[in-house]
N, C-alpha and C. Protein backbone atom coordinates (compact mmCIF):
# COMPACT_ATOMS: atom_id res chain seq x y z
N UNK A 1 0.84 -1.19 0.00
CA UNK A 1 0.00 0.00 0.00
C UNK A 1 0.88 1.24 0.00
N UNK A 2 0.57 2.14 -0.85
CA UNK A 2 1.32 3.40 -0.87
C UNK A 2 0.54 4.44 -0.07
N UNK A 3 1.28 5.31 0.56
CA UNK A 3 0.61 6.34 1.34
C UNK A 3 0.24 7.49 0.42
N UNK A 4 -1.02 7.74 0.29
CA UNK A 4 -1.51 8.81 -0.57
C UNK A 4 -2.02 9.93 0.33
N UNK A 5 -1.50 11.09 0.11
CA UNK A 5 -1.92 12.23 0.92
C UNK A 5 -2.97 13.03 0.17
N UNK A 6 -3.77 13.71 0.92
CA UNK A 6 -4.74 14.58 0.27
C UNK A 6 -3.99 15.78 -0.31
N UNK A 7 -4.55 16.50 -1.27
CA UNK A 7 -3.82 17.53 -2.02
C UNK A 7 -3.15 18.61 -1.15
N UNK A 8 -3.79 19.13 -0.16
CA UNK A 8 -3.21 20.21 0.62
C UNK A 8 -2.41 19.76 1.82
N UNK A 9 -2.33 18.49 2.04
CA UNK A 9 -1.68 17.94 3.22
C UNK A 9 -0.19 18.26 3.26
N UNK A 10 0.49 18.09 2.14
CA UNK A 10 1.93 18.34 2.11
C UNK A 10 2.21 19.82 2.34
N UNK A 11 1.43 20.68 1.75
CA UNK A 11 1.62 22.12 1.96
C UNK A 11 1.39 22.49 3.42
N UNK A 12 0.34 21.95 4.02
CA UNK A 12 0.07 22.23 5.44
C UNK A 12 1.21 21.73 6.31
N UNK A 13 1.75 20.55 5.97
CA UNK A 13 2.86 20.00 6.73
C UNK A 13 4.09 20.90 6.62
N UNK A 14 4.40 21.38 5.42
CA UNK A 14 5.56 22.25 5.24
C UNK A 14 5.36 23.58 5.96
N UNK A 15 4.16 24.14 5.90
CA UNK A 15 3.88 25.39 6.60
C UNK A 15 3.96 25.23 8.11
N UNK A 16 3.45 24.10 8.61
CA UNK A 16 3.52 23.84 10.04
C UNK A 16 4.97 23.68 10.50
N UNK A 17 5.78 23.00 9.69
CA UNK A 17 7.20 22.83 10.04
C UNK A 17 7.92 24.17 10.02
N UNK A 18 7.62 24.99 9.03
CA UNK A 18 8.26 26.32 8.96
C UNK A 18 7.83 27.19 10.13
N UNK A 19 6.56 27.17 10.46
CA UNK A 19 6.05 27.95 11.60
C UNK A 19 6.73 27.51 12.89
N UNK A 20 6.89 26.21 13.05
CA UNK A 20 7.54 25.68 14.25
C UNK A 20 8.99 26.17 14.33
N UNK A 21 9.72 26.15 13.22
CA UNK A 21 11.10 26.64 13.22
C UNK A 21 11.15 28.12 13.56
N UNK A 22 10.24 28.91 13.00
CA UNK A 22 10.23 30.35 13.26
C UNK A 22 9.85 30.64 14.71
N UNK A 23 8.90 29.91 15.23
CA UNK A 23 8.40 30.16 16.59
C UNK A 23 9.42 29.76 17.65
N UNK A 24 10.24 28.76 17.36
CA UNK A 24 11.20 28.29 18.36
C UNK A 24 12.60 28.83 18.12
N UNK A 25 12.79 29.56 17.05
CA UNK A 25 14.11 30.10 16.74
C UNK A 25 14.42 31.30 17.62
N UNK A 26 15.66 31.40 18.08
CA UNK A 26 16.08 32.54 18.89
C UNK A 26 16.99 33.48 18.10
N UNK A 27 17.07 33.28 16.80
CA UNK A 27 17.90 34.14 15.96
C UNK A 27 17.37 35.56 16.01
N UNK A 28 18.25 36.51 16.27
CA UNK A 28 17.87 37.91 16.33
C UNK A 28 17.38 38.37 17.68
N UNK A 29 17.32 37.48 18.66
CA UNK A 29 16.82 37.87 19.99
C UNK A 29 17.73 38.89 20.65
N UNK A 30 19.03 38.72 20.54
CA UNK A 30 19.95 39.66 21.18
C UNK A 30 19.78 41.05 20.58
N UNK A 31 19.61 41.11 19.27
CA UNK A 31 19.42 42.40 18.61
C UNK A 31 18.14 43.07 19.09
N UNK A 32 17.09 42.32 19.22
CA UNK A 32 15.82 42.88 19.70
C UNK A 32 15.96 43.35 21.14
N UNK A 33 16.67 42.58 21.96
CA UNK A 33 16.86 42.98 23.36
C UNK A 33 17.68 44.26 23.44
N UNK A 34 18.74 44.39 22.63
CA UNK A 34 19.53 45.61 22.61
C UNK A 34 18.68 46.79 22.16
N UNK A 35 17.83 46.58 21.18
CA UNK A 35 16.99 47.67 20.67
C UNK A 35 16.03 48.14 21.76
N UNK A 36 15.43 47.23 22.48
CA UNK A 36 14.50 47.61 23.54
C UNK A 36 15.23 48.32 24.67
N UNK A 37 16.40 47.82 25.04
CA UNK A 37 17.18 48.48 26.10
C UNK A 37 17.61 49.87 25.68
N UNK A 38 18.01 50.03 24.43
CA UNK A 38 18.41 51.35 23.92
C UNK A 38 17.22 52.30 23.92
N UNK A 39 16.07 51.81 23.52
CA UNK A 39 14.87 52.65 23.52
C UNK A 39 14.51 53.08 24.94
N UNK A 40 14.62 52.18 25.89
CA UNK A 40 14.34 52.53 27.29
C UNK A 40 15.34 53.55 27.81
N UNK A 41 16.62 53.40 27.45
CA UNK A 41 17.64 54.35 27.89
C UNK A 41 17.39 55.73 27.31
N UNK A 42 17.00 55.80 26.05
CA UNK A 42 16.71 57.09 25.42
C UNK A 42 15.50 57.74 26.08
N UNK A 43 14.48 56.95 26.38
CA UNK A 43 13.30 57.49 27.07
C UNK A 43 13.65 58.02 28.45
N UNK A 44 14.48 57.28 29.18
CA UNK A 44 14.90 57.72 30.51
C UNK A 44 15.74 58.99 30.42
N UNK A 45 16.63 59.07 29.43
CA UNK A 45 17.45 60.27 29.24
C UNK A 45 16.57 61.48 28.92
N UNK A 46 15.56 61.29 28.08
CA UNK A 46 14.66 62.39 27.75
C UNK A 46 13.89 62.86 28.98
N UNK A 47 13.49 61.92 29.82
CA UNK A 47 12.81 62.28 31.05
C UNK A 47 13.73 63.08 31.98
N UNK A 48 14.98 62.63 32.10
CA UNK A 48 15.93 63.36 32.94
C UNK A 48 16.20 64.77 32.41
N UNK A 49 16.33 64.90 31.11
CA UNK A 49 16.55 66.23 30.52
C UNK A 49 15.36 67.13 30.81
N UNK A 50 14.16 66.60 30.69
CA UNK A 50 12.96 67.40 30.96
C UNK A 50 12.90 67.83 32.43
N UNK A 51 13.25 66.93 33.33
CA UNK A 51 13.21 67.25 34.75
C UNK A 51 14.31 68.24 35.12
N UNK A 52 15.52 67.97 34.65
CA UNK A 52 16.65 68.80 35.04
C UNK A 52 16.66 70.16 34.38
N UNK A 53 15.92 70.34 33.32
CA UNK A 53 15.90 71.65 32.66
C UNK A 53 14.83 72.56 33.26
N UNK A 54 14.04 72.07 34.19
CA UNK A 54 13.05 72.94 34.81
C UNK A 54 13.75 73.90 35.77
N UNK A 55 13.19 75.07 35.97
CA UNK A 55 13.81 76.11 36.79
C UNK A 55 13.98 75.71 38.24
N UNK A 56 12.99 75.06 38.81
CA UNK A 56 13.06 74.66 40.21
C UNK A 56 14.21 73.70 40.48
N UNK A 57 14.29 72.68 39.66
CA UNK A 57 15.33 71.67 39.85
C UNK A 57 16.70 72.29 39.59
N UNK A 58 16.80 73.15 38.60
CA UNK A 58 18.08 73.80 38.30
C UNK A 58 18.53 74.64 39.50
N UNK A 59 17.61 75.37 40.13
CA UNK A 59 17.95 76.17 41.31
C UNK A 59 18.41 75.29 42.47
N UNK A 60 17.72 74.16 42.68
CA UNK A 60 18.11 73.25 43.76
C UNK A 60 19.50 72.67 43.51
N UNK A 61 19.76 72.29 42.27
CA UNK A 61 21.08 71.74 41.95
C UNK A 61 22.18 72.78 42.11
N UNK A 62 21.90 74.00 41.70
CA UNK A 62 22.92 75.06 41.84
C UNK A 62 23.19 75.36 43.30
N UNK A 63 22.16 75.38 44.14
CA UNK A 63 22.38 75.63 45.56
C UNK A 63 23.13 74.45 46.20
N UNK A 64 22.84 73.24 45.78
CA UNK A 64 23.54 72.06 46.30
C UNK A 64 25.02 72.11 45.91
N UNK A 65 25.29 72.44 44.65
CA UNK A 65 26.68 72.54 44.17
C UNK A 65 27.40 73.67 44.88
N UNK A 66 26.74 74.81 45.05
CA UNK A 66 27.36 75.96 45.73
C UNK A 66 27.69 75.63 47.18
N UNK A 67 26.76 74.97 47.86
CA UNK A 67 27.03 74.64 49.27
C UNK A 67 28.11 73.57 49.37
N UNK A 68 28.18 72.66 48.42
CA UNK A 68 29.23 71.64 48.44
C UNK A 68 30.61 72.25 48.18
N UNK A 69 30.66 73.26 47.29
CA UNK A 69 31.94 73.91 46.98
C UNK A 69 32.39 74.83 48.11
N UNK A 70 31.44 75.44 48.80
CA UNK A 70 31.82 76.36 49.88
C UNK A 70 32.07 75.63 51.19
N UNK A 71 31.77 74.36 51.26
CA UNK A 71 31.96 73.57 52.47
C UNK A 71 33.44 73.40 52.80
N UNK A 72 34.28 73.25 51.78
CA UNK A 72 35.70 72.98 52.00
C UNK A 72 36.49 74.18 52.24
């Protein structure tokens, strides 16, 4: 007896095998992790720039620096 497959069976099998390889592959994971970490660092830097450029925070930092320099 020969095994006869239905017409779309082989295509479904190949697609399922390809999907499995793609879903379990870790290729490119390090690049994606670096991209996410870089994006988070840029967002944090933008937040710090926004906070530190405000007048209140700038005044507090200048008074802290002045008192630290005049302490010695």
